[in-house]
N, C-alpha and C. Protein backbone atom coordinates (compact mmCIF):
# COMPACT_ATOMS: atom_id res chain seq x y z
N UNK A 1 -5.51 -1.74 9.95
CA UNK A 1 -6.97 -1.78 9.90
C UNK A 1 -7.49 -1.37 11.26
N UNK A 2 -8.44 -0.44 11.28
CA UNK A 2 -9.05 -0.03 12.53
C UNK A 2 -10.09 -1.09 12.91
N UNK A 3 -9.84 -1.77 14.02
CA UNK A 3 -10.77 -2.80 14.49
C UNK A 3 -11.44 -2.40 15.79
N UNK A 4 -10.83 -1.50 16.53
CA UNK A 4 -11.37 -1.04 17.80
C UNK A 4 -10.87 0.38 18.01
N UNK A 5 -11.77 1.33 18.14
CA UNK A 5 -11.36 2.72 18.26
C UNK A 5 -10.73 3.05 19.61
N UNK A 6 -10.80 2.14 20.56
CA UNK A 6 -10.19 2.36 21.87
C UNK A 6 -8.79 1.77 21.96
N UNK A 7 -8.47 0.78 21.11
CA UNK A 7 -7.16 0.15 21.14
C UNK A 7 -6.54 0.25 19.76
N UNK A 8 -5.32 0.76 19.71
CA UNK A 8 -4.61 0.87 18.44
C UNK A 8 -3.66 -0.31 18.28
N UNK A 9 -3.63 -0.90 17.10
CA UNK A 9 -2.69 -1.98 16.84
C UNK A 9 -1.36 -1.45 16.34
N UNK A 10 -1.32 -0.17 16.01
CA UNK A 10 -0.12 0.47 15.49
C UNK A 10 0.30 1.55 16.47
N UNK A 11 1.54 1.52 16.94
CA UNK A 11 2.01 2.51 17.91
C UNK A 11 1.98 3.92 17.34
N UNK A 12 1.99 4.06 16.02
CA UNK A 12 2.00 5.38 15.40
C UNK A 12 0.59 5.93 15.20
N UNK A 13 -0.41 5.10 15.32
CA UNK A 13 -1.80 5.52 15.11
C UNK A 13 -2.41 5.91 16.45
N UNK A 14 -3.00 7.11 16.54
CA UNK A 14 -3.61 7.52 17.82
C UNK A 14 -4.78 6.62 18.18
N UNK A 15 -4.99 6.43 19.46
CA UNK A 15 -6.07 5.56 19.92
C UNK A 15 -7.45 6.18 19.68
N UNK A 16 -7.53 7.49 19.57
CA UNK A 16 -8.81 8.17 19.37
C UNK A 16 -8.99 8.61 17.91
N UNK A 17 -8.64 7.74 17.00
CA UNK A 17 -8.72 8.06 15.57
C UNK A 17 -10.15 8.40 15.15
N UNK A 18 -10.31 9.37 14.26
CA UNK A 18 -11.66 9.69 13.78
C UNK A 18 -12.17 8.71 12.72
N UNK A 19 -11.31 7.81 12.29
CA UNK A 19 -11.69 6.86 11.24
C UNK A 19 -12.73 5.85 11.76
N UNK A 20 -13.52 5.34 10.85
CA UNK A 20 -14.51 4.32 11.18
C UNK A 20 -13.85 2.96 11.31
N UNK A 21 -14.49 2.07 12.04
CA UNK A 21 -14.01 0.70 12.11
C UNK A 21 -14.03 0.11 10.70
N UNK A 22 -12.96 -0.56 10.32
CA UNK A 22 -12.83 -1.12 8.98
C UNK A 22 -11.97 -0.26 8.07
N UNK A 23 -11.60 0.93 8.53
CA UNK A 23 -10.71 1.79 7.75
C UNK A 23 -9.31 1.21 7.76
N UNK A 24 -8.55 1.50 6.72
CA UNK A 24 -7.17 1.02 6.67
C UNK A 24 -6.29 2.07 6.03
N UNK A 25 -4.98 1.98 6.32
CA UNK A 25 -4.06 3.00 5.85
C UNK A 25 -2.67 2.41 5.65
N UNK A 26 -1.84 3.21 5.02
CA UNK A 26 -0.45 2.82 4.80
C UNK A 26 0.40 4.08 4.69
N UNK A 27 1.52 4.07 5.38
CA UNK A 27 2.48 5.17 5.28
C UNK A 27 3.66 4.75 4.44
N UNK A 28 4.12 5.64 3.60
CA UNK A 28 5.24 5.33 2.72
C UNK A 28 6.46 6.17 3.04
N UNK A 29 7.43 6.13 2.15
CA UNK A 29 8.67 6.86 2.33
C UNK A 29 8.46 8.37 2.20
N UNK A 30 9.29 9.12 2.88
CA UNK A 30 9.32 10.59 2.81
C UNK A 30 8.00 11.23 3.22
N UNK A 31 7.26 10.57 4.10
CA UNK A 31 6.07 11.20 4.66
C UNK A 31 4.78 11.01 3.89
N UNK A 32 4.74 10.15 2.90
CA UNK A 32 3.48 9.93 2.18
C UNK A 32 2.58 9.02 3.00
N UNK A 33 1.27 9.20 2.86
CA UNK A 33 0.31 8.37 3.59
C UNK A 33 -1.02 8.39 2.85
N UNK A 34 -1.76 7.28 2.98
CA UNK A 34 -3.14 7.28 2.48
C UNK A 34 -3.98 6.49 3.46
N UNK A 35 -5.28 6.78 3.46
CA UNK A 35 -6.20 5.95 4.22
C UNK A 35 -7.50 5.86 3.47
N UNK A 36 -8.21 4.77 3.71
CA UNK A 36 -9.50 4.52 3.08
C UNK A 36 -10.50 4.20 4.18
N UNK A 37 -11.61 4.91 4.17
CA UNK A 37 -12.68 4.70 5.14
C UNK A 37 -13.91 4.25 4.36
N UNK A 38 -14.11 2.93 4.22
CA UNK A 38 -15.22 2.43 3.41
C UNK A 38 -16.59 2.87 3.92
N UNK A 39 -16.76 2.98 5.23
CA UNK A 39 -18.05 3.37 5.79
C UNK A 39 -18.46 4.78 5.35
N UNK A 40 -17.50 5.68 5.33
CA UNK A 40 -17.77 7.07 4.94
C UNK A 40 -17.54 7.32 3.45
N UNK A 41 -17.13 6.27 2.72
CA UNK A 41 -16.80 6.40 1.30
C UNK A 41 -15.78 7.51 1.09
N UNK A 42 -14.67 7.43 1.83
CA UNK A 42 -13.67 8.48 1.87
C UNK A 42 -12.28 7.91 1.64
N UNK A 43 -11.50 8.61 0.84
CA UNK A 43 -10.09 8.28 0.63
C UNK A 43 -9.28 9.53 0.93
N UNK A 44 -8.26 9.39 1.77
CA UNK A 44 -7.37 10.50 2.08
C UNK A 44 -5.98 10.20 1.56
N UNK A 45 -5.35 11.18 0.95
CA UNK A 45 -4.01 10.99 0.38
C UNK A 45 -3.19 12.23 0.67
N UNK A 46 -2.04 12.04 1.30
CA UNK A 46 -1.16 13.16 1.63
C UNK A 46 0.23 12.82 1.12
N UNK A 47 0.74 13.66 0.23
CA UNK A 47 2.06 13.44 -0.36
C UNK A 47 3.00 14.55 0.10
N UNK A 48 3.81 14.26 1.09
CA UNK A 48 4.76 15.23 1.60
C UNK A 48 6.17 14.75 1.28
N UNK A 49 7.12 15.61 1.48
CA UNK A 49 8.52 15.24 1.23
C UNK A 49 9.38 15.52 2.46
N UNK A 50 8.83 15.22 3.63
CA UNK A 50 9.57 15.37 4.88
C UNK A 50 9.45 14.04 5.63
N UNK A 51 10.49 13.66 6.32
CA UNK A 51 10.48 12.33 6.94
C UNK A 51 9.74 12.28 8.28
N UNK A 52 9.68 13.35 9.05
CA UNK A 52 9.04 13.31 10.37
C UNK A 52 7.76 14.15 10.35
N UNK A 53 6.68 13.55 9.88
CA UNK A 53 5.43 14.30 9.73
C UNK A 53 4.24 13.63 10.41
N UNK A 54 4.48 12.78 11.40
CA UNK A 54 3.37 12.03 12.00
C UNK A 54 2.28 12.95 12.55
N UNK A 55 2.64 14.08 13.16
CA UNK A 55 1.61 14.98 13.66
C UNK A 55 0.83 15.62 12.51
N UNK A 56 1.48 15.87 11.38
CA UNK A 56 0.78 16.40 10.21
C UNK A 56 -0.24 15.40 9.68
N UNK A 57 0.11 14.12 9.69
CA UNK A 57 -0.82 13.09 9.24
C UNK A 57 -2.06 13.07 10.12
N UNK A 58 -1.85 13.12 11.44
CA UNK A 58 -2.97 13.12 12.37
C UNK A 58 -3.85 14.35 12.18
N UNK A 59 -3.23 15.51 12.03
CA UNK A 59 -3.99 16.75 11.83
C UNK A 59 -4.78 16.69 10.53
N UNK A 60 -4.19 16.15 9.47
CA UNK A 60 -4.87 16.04 8.19
C UNK A 60 -6.13 15.19 8.32
N UNK A 61 -6.03 14.06 9.02
CA UNK A 61 -7.20 13.20 9.22
C UNK A 61 -8.27 13.91 10.03
N UNK A 62 -7.87 14.51 11.13
CA UNK A 62 -8.84 15.19 12.00
C UNK A 62 -9.54 16.31 11.24
N UNK A 63 -8.80 17.14 10.54
CA UNK A 63 -9.38 18.25 9.79
C UNK A 63 -10.32 17.75 8.68
N UNK A 64 -9.95 16.65 8.04
CA UNK A 64 -10.80 16.08 7.00
C UNK A 64 -12.14 15.64 7.57
N UNK A 65 -12.11 14.90 8.67
CA UNK A 65 -13.35 14.43 9.27
C UNK A 65 -14.16 15.58 9.86
N UNK A 66 -13.51 16.61 10.40
CA UNK A 66 -14.22 17.78 10.90
C UNK A 66 -14.93 18.50 9.77
N UNK A 67 -14.30 18.59 8.62
CA UNK A 67 -14.92 19.26 7.47
C UNK A 67 -16.16 18.50 7.01
N UNK A 68 -16.17 17.19 7.15
CA UNK A 68 -17.34 16.40 6.75
C UNK A 68 -18.50 16.58 7.71
N UNK A 69 -18.22 16.83 8.98
CA UNK A 69 -19.28 16.91 9.97
C UNK A 69 -19.85 18.31 10.12
N UNK A 70 -19.17 19.30 9.58
CA UNK A 70 -19.66 20.70 9.74
C UNK A 70 -20.53 21.11 8.57
């Protein structure tokens, strides 16, 4: 759960996340991930089949939020 955008509680989550406070996420096996941002009424779901995709997850979030703001 994102509680402070300056401090990450998860070592895998970047400290400058574009998610709103109150957003939450979960990563699964083989690179799957989802997040829910209640403030923006947004759900993100990425289903990959590679084990080392943390940078892809970050890029997916950033690109999603950029698309909403443009």
